[in-house]
Protein backbone atom coordinates (compact mmCIF):
# COMPACT_ATOMS: atom_id res chain seq x y z
CA MET A 1 -20.64 -8.62 -25.91
CA VAL A 2 -17.71 -6.43 -24.92
CA GLN A 3 -18.86 -2.89 -24.36
CA GLU A 4 -16.29 -0.13 -24.75
CA SER A 5 -16.10 2.08 -21.64
CA ASN A 6 -17.76 5.18 -23.09
CA MET A 7 -15.02 5.22 -25.72
CA GLN A 8 -17.22 6.21 -28.62
CA ALA A 9 -18.76 9.15 -26.77
CA LYS A 10 -15.36 10.43 -25.63
CA LYS A 11 -13.43 10.04 -28.88
CA ALA A 12 -14.77 13.35 -30.16
CA THR A 13 -13.27 15.23 -27.21
CA GLY A 14 -10.14 13.09 -26.93
CA GLN A 15 -11.02 12.18 -23.35
CA PHE A 16 -11.16 8.71 -21.85
CA GLU A 17 -11.72 7.02 -18.52
CA LEU A 18 -8.85 6.77 -16.03
CA ILE A 19 -8.47 5.26 -12.55
CA ALA A 20 -5.96 6.38 -9.92
CA LYS A 21 -5.22 3.85 -7.18
CA THR A 22 -4.22 4.94 -3.67
CA PHE A 23 -4.17 3.87 -0.01
CA MET A 24 -7.25 3.58 2.17
CA GLY A 25 -7.85 6.97 3.77
CA LEU A 26 -6.09 9.04 1.10
CA GLU A 27 -8.92 9.07 -1.46
CA PRO A 28 -10.15 12.63 -0.66
CA ILE A 29 -6.59 13.96 -0.81
CA LEU A 30 -6.05 12.30 -4.19
CA ALA A 31 -9.36 13.75 -5.44
CA GLU A 32 -8.20 17.25 -4.40
CA GLU A 33 -4.95 16.75 -6.31
CA LEU A 34 -6.87 15.66 -9.41
CA THR A 35 -9.13 18.72 -9.13
CA ARG A 36 -6.12 21.04 -9.04
CA LEU A 37 -4.69 19.14 -12.00
CA GLY A 38 -7.85 19.86 -14.03
CA ALA A 39 -9.31 16.34 -14.26
CA ASP A 40 -13.02 15.91 -15.12
CA ASN A 41 -15.77 13.66 -13.74
CA ILE A 42 -13.90 12.91 -10.51
CA GLN A 43 -15.52 10.18 -8.40
CA ILE A 44 -14.13 8.82 -5.12
CA GLY A 45 -14.17 5.06 -4.55
CA ARG A 46 -12.44 2.80 -2.07
CA ARG A 47 -8.69 2.92 -2.54
CA MET A 48 -9.24 4.58 -5.91
CA VAL A 49 -10.48 7.73 -7.64
CA SER A 50 -11.90 7.59 -11.15
CA PHE A 51 -11.75 10.54 -13.54
CA THR A 52 -11.63 11.44 -17.21
CA GLY A 53 -8.97 13.22 -19.22
CA ASP A 54 -6.91 13.21 -22.38
CA LYS A 55 -3.41 11.89 -23.04
CA GLU A 56 -1.82 14.95 -21.43
CA MET A 57 -3.90 14.43 -18.28
CA MET A 58 -2.77 10.80 -18.09
CA TYR A 59 0.88 11.82 -18.41
CA ARG A 60 0.46 14.56 -15.78
CA ALA A 61 -1.38 12.23 -13.39
CA ASN A 62 1.58 9.83 -13.45
CA PHE A 63 4.16 12.59 -13.23
CA GLN A 64 2.62 15.08 -10.81
CA LEU A 65 0.30 13.30 -8.37
CA HIS A 66 1.82 12.83 -4.91
CA THR A 67 -0.79 10.36 -3.56
CA ALA A 68 -1.42 8.02 -6.51
CA ILE A 69 0.03 4.50 -6.54
CA ARG A 70 -0.93 3.63 -10.12
CA ILE A 71 -2.85 5.09 -13.07
CA LEU A 72 -4.98 2.65 -15.08
CA LYS A 73 -6.62 3.26 -18.46
CA PRO A 74 -9.71 1.02 -18.84
CA LEU A 75 -10.13 -0.46 -22.31
CA ALA A 76 -13.42 -2.32 -21.87
CA HIS A 77 -16.03 -3.38 -19.33
CA PHE A 78 -17.99 -6.62 -19.71
CA LYS A 79 -19.78 -9.40 -17.82
CA ALA A 80 -18.27 -12.86 -17.34
CA GLY A 81 -19.46 -15.83 -15.36
CA SER A 82 -16.49 -18.11 -15.95
CA ALA A 83 -12.88 -18.16 -17.07
CA GLU A 84 -14.02 -19.31 -20.50
CA ASP A 85 -16.26 -16.23 -20.75
CA VAL A 86 -13.25 -14.06 -19.92
CA TYR A 87 -11.22 -15.84 -22.61
CA GLU A 88 -13.87 -15.30 -25.29
CA LYS A 89 -14.50 -11.62 -24.41
CA VAL A 90 -10.81 -10.76 -24.22
CA LYS A 91 -10.12 -12.55 -27.51
CA LYS A 92 -12.71 -10.37 -29.28
CA MET A 93 -10.76 -7.20 -28.45
CA ASP A 94 -8.32 -5.94 -31.09
CA TRP A 95 -4.99 -6.31 -29.32
CA SER A 96 -2.97 -5.19 -32.33
CA LEU A 97 -3.93 -1.64 -31.29
CA TYR A 98 -1.90 -2.01 -28.09
CA ILE A 99 0.75 -4.70 -28.64
CA GLU A 100 3.05 -4.25 -31.63
CA PRO A 101 4.86 -7.17 -33.30
CA GLY A 102 7.91 -8.26 -31.36
CA LYS A 103 6.75 -6.55 -28.16
CA THR A 104 6.25 -8.32 -24.82
CA PHE A 105 3.36 -8.01 -22.38
CA SER A 106 2.29 -9.06 -18.87
CA VAL A 107 -1.07 -9.42 -17.13
CA ASP A 108 -1.90 -8.49 -13.55
CA SER A 109 -5.23 -9.84 -12.29
CA VAL A 110 -7.32 -8.84 -9.27
CA VAL A 111 -10.29 -11.05 -8.42
CA TYR A 112 -13.14 -10.49 -5.94
CA SER A 113 -15.61 -13.14 -6.97
CA GLU A 114 -17.03 -16.50 -5.93
CA GLU A 115 -17.12 -17.50 -9.60
CA PHE A 116 -13.36 -17.13 -10.03
CA ARG A 117 -11.43 -18.94 -7.32
CA ASN A 118 -7.92 -18.50 -8.71
CA SER A 119 -6.56 -15.16 -9.96
CA ARG A 120 -3.60 -16.89 -11.62
CA PHE A 121 -5.95 -18.99 -13.73
CA VAL A 122 -7.66 -15.78 -14.86
CA THR A 123 -4.24 -14.36 -15.74
CA TYR A 124 -3.44 -17.45 -17.82
CA LYS A 125 -6.77 -17.27 -19.68
CA VAL A 126 -6.21 -13.61 -20.57
CA LYS A 127 -2.69 -14.39 -21.81
CA ASP A 128 -3.99 -17.34 -23.82
CA ALA A 129 -6.72 -15.23 -25.44
CA ILE A 130 -4.24 -12.56 -26.55
CA VAL A 131 -1.63 -15.04 -27.76
CA ASP A 132 -4.22 -17.13 -29.64
CA GLN A 133 -5.58 -14.01 -31.38
CA PHE A 134 -2.13 -13.04 -32.66
CA ARG A 135 -1.32 -16.61 -33.68
CA GLU A 136 -4.55 -16.94 -35.67
CA LYS A 137 -4.17 -13.54 -37.37
CA THR A 138 -0.43 -13.37 -38.02
CA GLY A 139 1.01 -16.80 -37.32
CA ASP A 140 3.27 -15.27 -34.68
CA ARG A 141 2.71 -14.79 -30.97
CA PRO A 142 3.89 -12.05 -28.59
CA ASN A 143 6.05 -13.14 -25.69
CA VAL A 144 5.18 -12.73 -22.04
CA SER A 145 7.65 -10.89 -19.83
CA VAL A 146 7.04 -10.63 -16.09
CA SER A 147 10.06 -8.53 -15.14
CA ASN A 148 10.18 -5.84 -17.83
CA PRO A 149 7.27 -6.03 -20.29
CA ASP A 150 6.60 -3.49 -23.01
CA ILE A 151 2.86 -3.48 -22.30
CA ARG A 152 1.33 -4.04 -18.86
CA LEU A 153 -2.31 -5.16 -18.75
CA HIS A 154 -4.61 -5.23 -15.76
CA ILE A 155 -7.84 -7.20 -15.35
CA HIS A 156 -10.17 -6.54 -12.43
CA ILE A 157 -13.10 -8.83 -11.61
CA ALA A 158 -15.79 -8.03 -9.02
CA ASP A 159 -18.46 -10.75 -8.99
CA THR A 160 -19.22 -10.96 -12.73
CA ASP A 161 -18.16 -7.39 -13.64
CA VAL A 162 -14.87 -7.34 -15.52
CA THR A 163 -12.67 -4.36 -16.38
CA MET A 164 -9.77 -4.75 -18.78
CA ALA A 165 -7.23 -1.92 -18.53
CA LEU A 166 -3.79 -0.75 -19.53
CA ASP A 167 -1.38 0.05 -16.70
CA SER A 168 0.16 3.39 -17.63
CA SER A 169 2.49 3.60 -14.62
CA GLY A 170 4.51 0.40 -14.63
CA GLU A 171 6.42 0.26 -11.38
CA SER A 172 4.36 1.58 -8.46
CA LEU A 173 4.42 5.39 -8.32
CA HIS A 174 5.60 5.33 -4.72
CA ARG A 175 9.00 4.34 -6.11
CA ARG A 176 10.02 7.92 -6.76
CA GLY A 177 13.63 7.15 -7.60
CA TYR A 178 15.44 9.18 -4.93
CA ARG A 179 15.72 6.44 -2.29
CA GLN A 180 19.30 5.14 -2.31
CA GLU A 181 19.19 3.20 0.95
CA SER A 182 16.56 2.34 3.51
CA VAL A 183 16.11 1.47 7.16
CA GLU A 184 13.90 -1.19 8.69
CA ALA A 185 10.16 -0.70 7.92
CA PRO A 186 10.48 2.54 5.88
CA LEU A 187 7.42 4.73 5.41
CA ASN A 188 5.86 4.47 1.95
CA GLU A 189 6.43 7.64 -0.10
CA VAL A 190 2.78 7.96 -1.18
CA LEU A 191 1.60 7.55 2.41
CA ALA A 192 4.14 10.12 3.61
CA ALA A 193 2.98 12.65 1.02
CA GLY A 194 -0.66 11.97 1.93
CA MET A 195 0.05 12.55 5.62
CA ILE A 196 1.67 15.92 4.89
CA LEU A 197 -1.15 17.04 2.59
CA MET A 198 -3.72 16.01 5.22
CA THR A 199 -2.17 18.51 7.64
CA GLY A 200 -2.77 21.34 5.17
CA TRP A 201 0.92 22.28 5.20
CA HIS A 202 2.37 23.55 1.93
CA GLY A 203 5.53 25.23 3.18
CA GLU A 204 4.09 28.01 5.35
CA CYS A 205 6.48 27.32 8.27
CA ASP A 206 9.35 25.08 9.31
CA PHE A 207 8.78 21.32 9.13
CA ILE A 208 10.18 18.88 11.72
CA ASP A 209 10.32 15.09 11.91
CA PRO A 210 12.06 14.18 15.20
CA MET A 211 12.05 10.45 14.31
CA CYS A 212 12.91 10.75 10.61
CA GLY A 213 14.26 7.27 9.82
CA SER A 214 15.42 7.25 6.19
CA GLY A 215 14.05 10.75 5.60
CA THR A 216 10.92 9.97 3.56
CA LEU A 217 8.72 12.58 5.28
CA LEU A 218 11.48 15.19 4.95
CA ILE A 219 11.93 14.71 1.21
CA GLU A 220 8.20 14.50 0.48
CA ALA A 221 7.72 17.71 2.51
CA ALA A 222 10.34 19.47 0.39
CA LEU A 223 8.65 18.34 -2.82
CA ILE A 224 5.30 19.65 -1.58
CA ALA A 225 6.79 22.92 -0.31
CA HIS A 226 8.38 23.59 -3.72
CA ASN A 227 5.36 22.12 -5.60
CA MET A 228 7.78 19.83 -7.42
CA SER A 229 6.49 16.85 -9.39
CA PRO A 230 7.39 13.59 -7.58
CA GLY A 231 7.94 11.87 -10.95
CA ILE A 232 10.99 14.03 -11.67
CA PHE A 233 13.30 11.32 -10.27
CA ARG A 234 11.79 8.32 -12.11
CA LYS A 235 13.61 6.69 -14.99
CA GLU A 236 10.51 5.63 -16.91
CA PHE A 237 6.74 5.15 -17.00
CA ALA A 238 4.91 2.30 -18.70
CA PHE A 239 3.12 4.64 -21.15
CA GLU A 240 6.50 5.53 -22.71
CA LYS A 241 6.45 2.09 -24.40
CA TRP A 242 2.94 2.44 -25.84
CA PRO A 243 2.54 2.64 -29.63
CA ASP A 244 0.87 6.07 -29.40
CA PHE A 245 3.40 7.59 -26.97
CA ASP A 246 3.88 11.31 -27.62
CA GLN A 247 7.51 12.06 -26.75
CA GLU A 248 7.21 15.78 -27.48
CA LEU A 249 4.16 16.15 -25.23
CA PHE A 250 5.78 14.31 -22.34
CA ASP A 251 9.02 16.28 -22.73
CA SER A 252 7.06 19.51 -22.41
CA ILE A 253 5.44 18.24 -19.19
CA TYR A 254 8.74 16.97 -17.81
CA ASN A 255 10.57 20.24 -18.46
CA ASP A 256 7.77 22.54 -17.27
CA ASP A 257 8.79 24.00 -13.90
CA SER A 258 6.52 27.05 -14.11
CA GLN A 259 4.39 25.87 -11.17
CA GLU A 260 7.32 25.35 -8.81
CA ARG A 261 7.69 27.90 -6.01
CA PRO A 262 10.41 29.00 -3.59
CA PHE A 263 10.46 27.69 -0.02
CA GLU A 264 11.26 30.37 2.55
CA HIS A 265 11.53 28.11 5.61
CA HIS A 266 13.48 24.98 6.52
CA ILE A 267 12.97 21.25 7.10
CA TYR A 268 14.63 19.49 10.05
CA GLY A 269 15.04 15.78 10.64
CA TYR A 270 16.40 14.03 13.72
CA ASP A 271 16.94 10.43 14.72
CA VAL A 272 18.63 8.61 17.58
CA ASN A 273 20.01 5.95 15.20
CA PRO A 274 23.29 6.93 13.45
CA LYS A 275 22.56 4.55 10.57
CA ALA A 276 19.16 6.20 9.99
CA VAL A 277 20.77 9.65 9.98
CA ASN A 278 23.39 8.59 7.42
CA THR A 279 20.70 6.94 5.26
CA ALA A 280 18.50 10.05 5.39
CA LEU A 281 21.44 12.27 4.43
CA LEU A 282 22.24 9.98 1.49
CA ASN A 283 18.62 10.10 0.24
CA VAL A 284 18.40 13.88 0.68
CA ARG A 285 21.58 14.34 -1.37
CA ALA A 286 20.21 12.03 -4.07
CA ALA A 287 17.09 14.20 -4.27
CA GLY A 288 19.20 17.37 -4.52
CA LEU A 289 17.51 18.95 -1.49
CA THR A 290 20.41 19.53 0.92
CA SER A 291 19.80 23.29 1.03
CA GLU A 292 16.22 22.79 2.26
CA ILE A 293 16.73 19.80 4.60
CA SER A 294 19.00 19.36 7.62
CA VAL A 295 19.41 15.98 9.32
CA ALA A 296 21.13 15.49 12.68
CA LEU A 297 21.71 12.82 15.32
CA GLN A 298 19.45 13.64 18.27
CA ASP A 299 17.15 11.77 20.64
CA PHE A 300 13.58 13.08 20.81
CA LYS A 301 13.97 13.38 24.59
CA ASP A 302 16.53 16.16 23.94
CA PHE A 303 14.15 18.09 21.65
CA THR A 304 13.80 21.77 22.57
CA GLN A 305 11.43 24.58 21.57
CA PRO A 306 12.20 25.64 17.97
CA ALA A 307 13.09 29.28 17.39
CA ASN A 308 10.50 29.70 14.60
CA PRO A 309 6.90 28.52 14.12
CA ALA A 310 6.92 24.90 12.98
CA ILE A 311 4.86 21.78 12.42
CA ILE A 312 5.83 18.26 13.51
CA VAL A 313 4.78 15.28 11.38
CA THR A 314 6.20 11.98 12.53
CA ASN A 315 5.75 8.22 12.42
CA PRO A 316 7.12 6.71 15.68
CA PRO A 317 7.73 2.96 16.07
CA TYR A 318 4.60 0.88 16.77
CA GLY A 319 6.34 -2.17 18.16
CA GLU A 320 5.13 -4.24 15.18
CA ARG A 321 8.02 -4.29 12.70
CA ILE A 322 10.48 -2.19 14.71
CA SER A 323 11.23 -3.19 18.29
CA THR A 324 11.78 -0.32 20.71
CA TYR A 325 12.97 -0.64 24.25
CA ASN A 326 10.07 0.27 26.54
CA LEU A 327 7.67 1.37 23.80
CA LEU A 328 5.11 2.95 26.13
CA GLU A 329 7.77 5.05 27.83
CA THR A 330 8.78 6.33 24.40
CA TYR A 331 5.27 7.63 23.76
CA LYS A 332 5.09 9.10 27.24
CA MET A 333 8.30 10.98 26.48
CA ILE A 334 6.81 12.22 23.17
CA GLY A 335 3.84 13.71 25.01
CA GLU A 336 6.09 15.35 27.59
CA ARG A 337 8.33 16.93 24.93
CA LEU A 338 5.38 18.23 22.94
CA LYS A 339 3.70 19.71 26.01
CA HIS A 340 6.76 21.53 27.32
CA GLU A 341 8.86 22.20 24.20
CA PHE A 342 6.44 22.71 21.30
CA THR A 343 3.89 25.23 22.56
CA GLY A 344 2.14 27.36 19.98
CA ASN A 345 2.51 24.74 17.24
CA ASP A 346 0.75 21.67 15.85
CA ALA A 347 2.04 18.09 15.91
CA TRP A 348 0.70 15.19 13.83
CA ILE A 349 1.47 11.60 14.83
CA LEU A 350 0.76 8.36 12.98
CA SER A 351 0.58 5.26 15.16
CA TYR A 352 -1.12 1.91 15.46
CA ARG A 353 -1.63 1.05 19.11
CA GLU A 354 -4.31 2.72 21.22
CA GLU A 355 -2.23 2.16 24.34
CA CYS A 356 0.62 4.13 22.74
CA PHE A 357 -1.64 7.09 22.06
CA ASP A 358 -2.86 6.90 25.64
CA GLN A 359 0.67 7.32 26.91
CA ILE A 360 1.07 10.61 25.02
CA GLY A 361 -1.37 12.04 27.54
CA LEU A 362 -2.66 14.81 25.27
CA LYS A 363 -6.10 15.32 23.77
CA PRO A 364 -6.05 15.27 19.95
CA SER A 365 -8.11 17.77 17.99
CA ILE A 366 -8.64 15.33 15.14
CA LYS A 367 -8.21 11.58 14.51
CA THR A 368 -8.10 10.18 11.00
CA PRO A 369 -8.09 6.43 10.18
CA LEU A 370 -5.22 5.64 7.84
CA PHE A 371 -3.66 2.40 6.63
CA ASN A 372 0.09 1.89 6.84
CA GLY A 373 0.50 -1.29 4.84
CA SER A 374 -1.81 -3.82 6.47
CA LEU A 375 -1.96 -1.92 9.78
CA GLU A 376 -5.06 0.16 10.43
CA CYS A 377 -3.52 3.19 12.10
CA GLU A 378 -4.72 6.61 13.20
CA PHE A 379 -3.25 9.97 12.26
CA ARG A 380 -3.81 12.38 15.15
CA LYS A 381 -3.33 16.12 15.43
CA TYR A 382 -2.26 17.77 18.68
CA SER A 383 -2.60 21.54 19.00
CA MET A 384 -0.10 22.66 21.61
CA PHE A 385 -0.71 25.78 23.71
CA ALA A 386 0.70 27.25 26.91
CA GLY A 387 -1.31 27.12 30.14
CA LYS A 388 -4.71 25.56 30.69
CA MET A 389 -7.32 24.90 27.99
CA HIS A 390 -10.06 27.14 29.46
CA GLU A 391 -7.59 30.04 29.66
CA PHE A 392 -6.50 29.45 26.08
CA ARG A 393 -10.11 29.44 24.88
CA SER A 394 -11.02 32.51 26.93
CA GLU A 395 -8.26 34.40 25.12
CA GLY A 396 -9.79 33.47 21.75
CA GLY A 397 -7.69 30.39 21.03
CA VAL A 398 -9.20 27.73 18.76
CA ILE A 399 -8.54 24.06 19.54
CA LYS A 400 -10.75 22.58 16.85
CA THR A 401 -11.98 24.34 13.72
CA GLU A 402 -15.50 23.80 12.36
CA GLU A 403 -14.07 21.66 9.55
CA GLU A 404 -12.20 19.54 12.10
CA LYS A 405 -15.35 19.14 14.18
CA LYS A 406 -17.22 17.96 11.12
CA ALA A 407 -14.41 15.57 10.18
CA MET A 408 -14.24 14.19 13.72
CA ALA A 409 -17.99 13.49 13.64
CA GLU A 410 -17.52 11.47 10.46
CA LYS A 411 -14.61 9.57 11.94
CA HIS A 412 -16.67 8.71 15.02
CA ARG A 413 -19.33 7.16 12.82
CA PHE A 414 -16.67 5.19 11.02
CA LYS A 415 -14.99 4.04 14.24
CA LYS A 416 -18.30 2.96 15.78
CA ASN A 417 -18.43 0.09 13.29
CA ARG A 418 -14.83 -1.01 13.59
CA GLU A 419 -12.29 -2.11 16.13
CA PHE A 420 -9.01 -0.24 16.21
CA LYS A 421 -6.78 -3.24 15.55
CA LYS A 422 -8.96 -5.15 13.08
CA ARG A 423 -8.97 -5.03 9.30
CA LEU A 424 -12.01 -4.33 7.15
CA ASP A 425 -14.74 -6.93 7.23
CA GLU A 426 -14.91 -9.66 4.60
CA GLN A 427 -17.56 -8.08 2.42
CA GLU A 428 -15.72 -4.75 2.14
CA GLN A 429 -12.48 -6.51 1.22
CA ASN A 430 -14.11 -8.70 -1.41
CA GLU A 431 -16.05 -5.88 -3.03
CA GLU A 432 -13.62 -2.99 -2.83
CA GLY A 433 -10.32 -4.23 -1.45
CA ASP A 434 -6.86 -3.14 -2.48
CA ILE A 435 -5.16 -4.68 -5.51
CA ARG A 436 -2.16 -5.94 -3.52
CA SER A 437 -3.92 -7.16 -0.32
CA PHE A 438 -6.73 -9.42 -1.54
CA THR A 439 -7.52 -12.60 0.38
CA PHE A 440 -9.61 -15.41 -1.09
CA HIS A 441 -12.22 -15.60 1.66
CA SER A 442 -13.98 -18.52 -0.02
CA LEU A 443 -10.78 -20.54 0.38
CA GLU A 444 -10.45 -19.32 3.95
CA ARG A 445 -13.95 -20.57 4.68
CA GLN A 446 -13.06 -23.96 3.22
CA ARG A 447 -9.97 -24.16 5.41
CA GLU A 448 -11.97 -23.11 8.48
CA GLU A 449 -14.61 -25.75 7.71
CA GLN A 450 -11.91 -28.38 7.29
CA GLN A 451 -10.31 -27.35 10.58
CA ARG A 452 -13.72 -27.52 12.30
CA LYS A 453 -14.27 -31.05 10.99
CA GLU A 454 -10.83 -32.11 12.17
CA ARG A 455 -11.46 -30.70 15.64
CA PHE A 456 -14.80 -32.54 15.78
CA ALA A 457 -13.15 -35.80 14.66
CA ASN A 458 -10.42 -35.42 17.27
CA ARG A 459 -13.01 -34.80 19.98
CA ARG A 460 -14.98 -37.88 18.92
CA ARG A 461 -11.78 -39.97 18.91
CA ASP A 462 -10.94 -38.76 22.41
CA GLU A 463 -14.46 -39.59 23.59
CA ARG A 464 -14.21 -43.14 22.14
CA GLY A 465 -10.85 -43.55 23.82
CA GLU A 466 -12.31 -42.58 27.16
CA GLN A 467 -15.20 -45.00 26.62
CA ARG A 468 -12.79 -47.88 25.83
CA LYS A 469 -10.73 -47.03 28.87
CA ALA A 470 -13.83 -47.13 31.07
CA LEU A 471 -15.08 -50.43 29.57
CA PHE A 472 -11.87 -52.35 28.96
CA GLY A 473 -9.30 -50.66 31.19
CA PHE A 474 -7.06 -49.42 28.37
CA SER A 475 -7.04 -46.60 25.79
CA ASP A 476 -6.05 -46.51 22.13
CA GLU A 477 -2.57 -45.38 23.16
CA LYS A 478 -1.99 -48.45 25.32
CA ARG A 479 -3.24 -50.76 22.58
CA GLY A 480 -0.26 -49.68 20.52
CA SER A 481 -2.00 -47.44 17.99
CA TYR A 482 -0.30 -44.24 16.89
CA SER A 483 -1.41 -40.98 15.37
CA SER A 484 -0.45 -39.39 12.05
CA LYS A 485 2.01 -37.26 14.01
CA ASP A 486 3.71 -40.42 15.25
CA ARG A 487 3.84 -41.74 11.71
CA PHE A 488 5.45 -38.52 10.60
CA LYS A 489 8.08 -38.83 13.33
CA LYS A 490 8.85 -42.40 12.28
CA GLY A 491 9.09 -41.28 8.67
CA GLU A 492 11.52 -38.56 9.71
CA ALA A 493 13.62 -41.16 11.55
CA ARG A 494 13.74 -43.35 8.43
CA ARG A 495 14.73 -40.35 6.32
CA ARG A 496 17.56 -39.52 8.73
CA ASP A 497 18.75 -43.12 8.58
CA PHE A 498 18.69 -42.92 4.79
CA GLU A 499 20.59 -39.63 4.81
CA GLY A 500 23.16 -41.15 7.19
CA GLY A 501 23.82 -43.85 4.59
CA TRP A 502 24.66 -41.49 1.72
CA LYS A 503 26.36 -38.95 3.96
CA LYS A 504 29.16 -41.43 4.63
CA GLY A 505 30.28 -41.21 1.04
CA ARG A 506 29.29 -37.58 0.16
CA THR A 507 30.31 -34.18 1.41
CA SER A 508 27.19 -32.27 0.34
CA ARG A 509 23.48 -32.94 0.33
CA PRO A 510 21.87 -33.78 -3.02
CA ASP A 511 19.27 -31.43 -4.53
CA ARG A 512 16.41 -33.84 -3.90
CA ASN A 513 16.93 -33.66 -0.15
CA ARG A 514 17.33 -29.88 -0.18
CA LYS A 515 13.93 -29.62 -1.84
CA PHE A 516 12.48 -32.01 0.70
CA LYS A 517 13.76 -29.86 3.53
CA LYS A 518 12.27 -26.68 2.02
CA ASP A 519 8.88 -28.30 1.71
């Protein structure tokens, strides 16, 4: 039986359960944001933070959180051991409360279960259950729209535990709305905001990104410095199409700038690529932040000591998606510039390769594991000081605070059970993985088993061939047999001969052959 997710108990207070999705490593930062926002019952999970709140809290979470990717509103939790169970449980829910006549909907499914091998099949069963309920009750059925639905539904399955939820965000919240153009491998806006908040910076000094790319860190820094809501640039949220949408309430949230604050310092961005500089300037203008942010063409190797106290937060190339001439020399140059031209300040660097960090040649005061897409990176802090470390400490200088020491101890325990360049293990992914990065490990195991069998069969065939050669003086190859690869080559030759026949009388290739080539 479908059990409502504490709905009855919370109706009296107007509160309900909510889930905020985020990136791996940003969960504590998101929880801090929710605390400042006034959310209740905050619990940190993996790539998510659950909490409770009313309609205003849901609107504010979408509009004001810097580190949330998506806000989900669970409708029900239930058990299901098969797709048919899902169909029956979903069909029992009253969907007329959420989908009005003539409205469209879509379903996004996330599956971590051995019982459900295909997430698309789950999606189809949920759609069928909803459509069949409307058809039986009204004679009409709602339409499904993938591109721009009125109602977005989300089903999450872990083993046999199922959560059915409404997606209140719609398009991912990292799509702020200010990005006009981009460069290769741009930094995600939510990740950029999380990096800045992890440093503890809220506008207390100048902010510098000497490798700014399209300017994402610069703009997110300005939003944080002014305490501006990142949703101010978005055109719409999914909850605006809900039947119970409160336009007056959302307008009051949208127009409330009472928590914004002035920024007394400045934000500087530099890049060696003229296209990146022009793109960053375009995005900064679109965000209306030209008075706070300056962007200039400059190589990091020409960086000099800033006149005022400042913090550097940057995301140099890793050599994965962006190729850089002599990558290790680039990181060596970064370390040299920081050591000689950034004394008295802190620098934070996000990177992927251990060998790149080694080339910086500086000892970090803190290392934090952080995912950039599928890459398991580290975000490292470097406290720069003049002279030698023992002299700095003898004069009362602090390299690592007690909080940083505690955090580093936790990170060491985490790193002990992982390798720097590997993803999470299979069990962690299946149980608590991200919505957008799930891999069906059961299917992977089947493929691996099939590949193992094929390798064994090939080895046995080779052994038999060697035995025949030893006994009879010839191998399978000399007897005139041919492999499946040879058959494929002969088939290709026949296809080319066939194509040559129709090519004589045609100037373009027919659709059937285009499809064949794609496959």
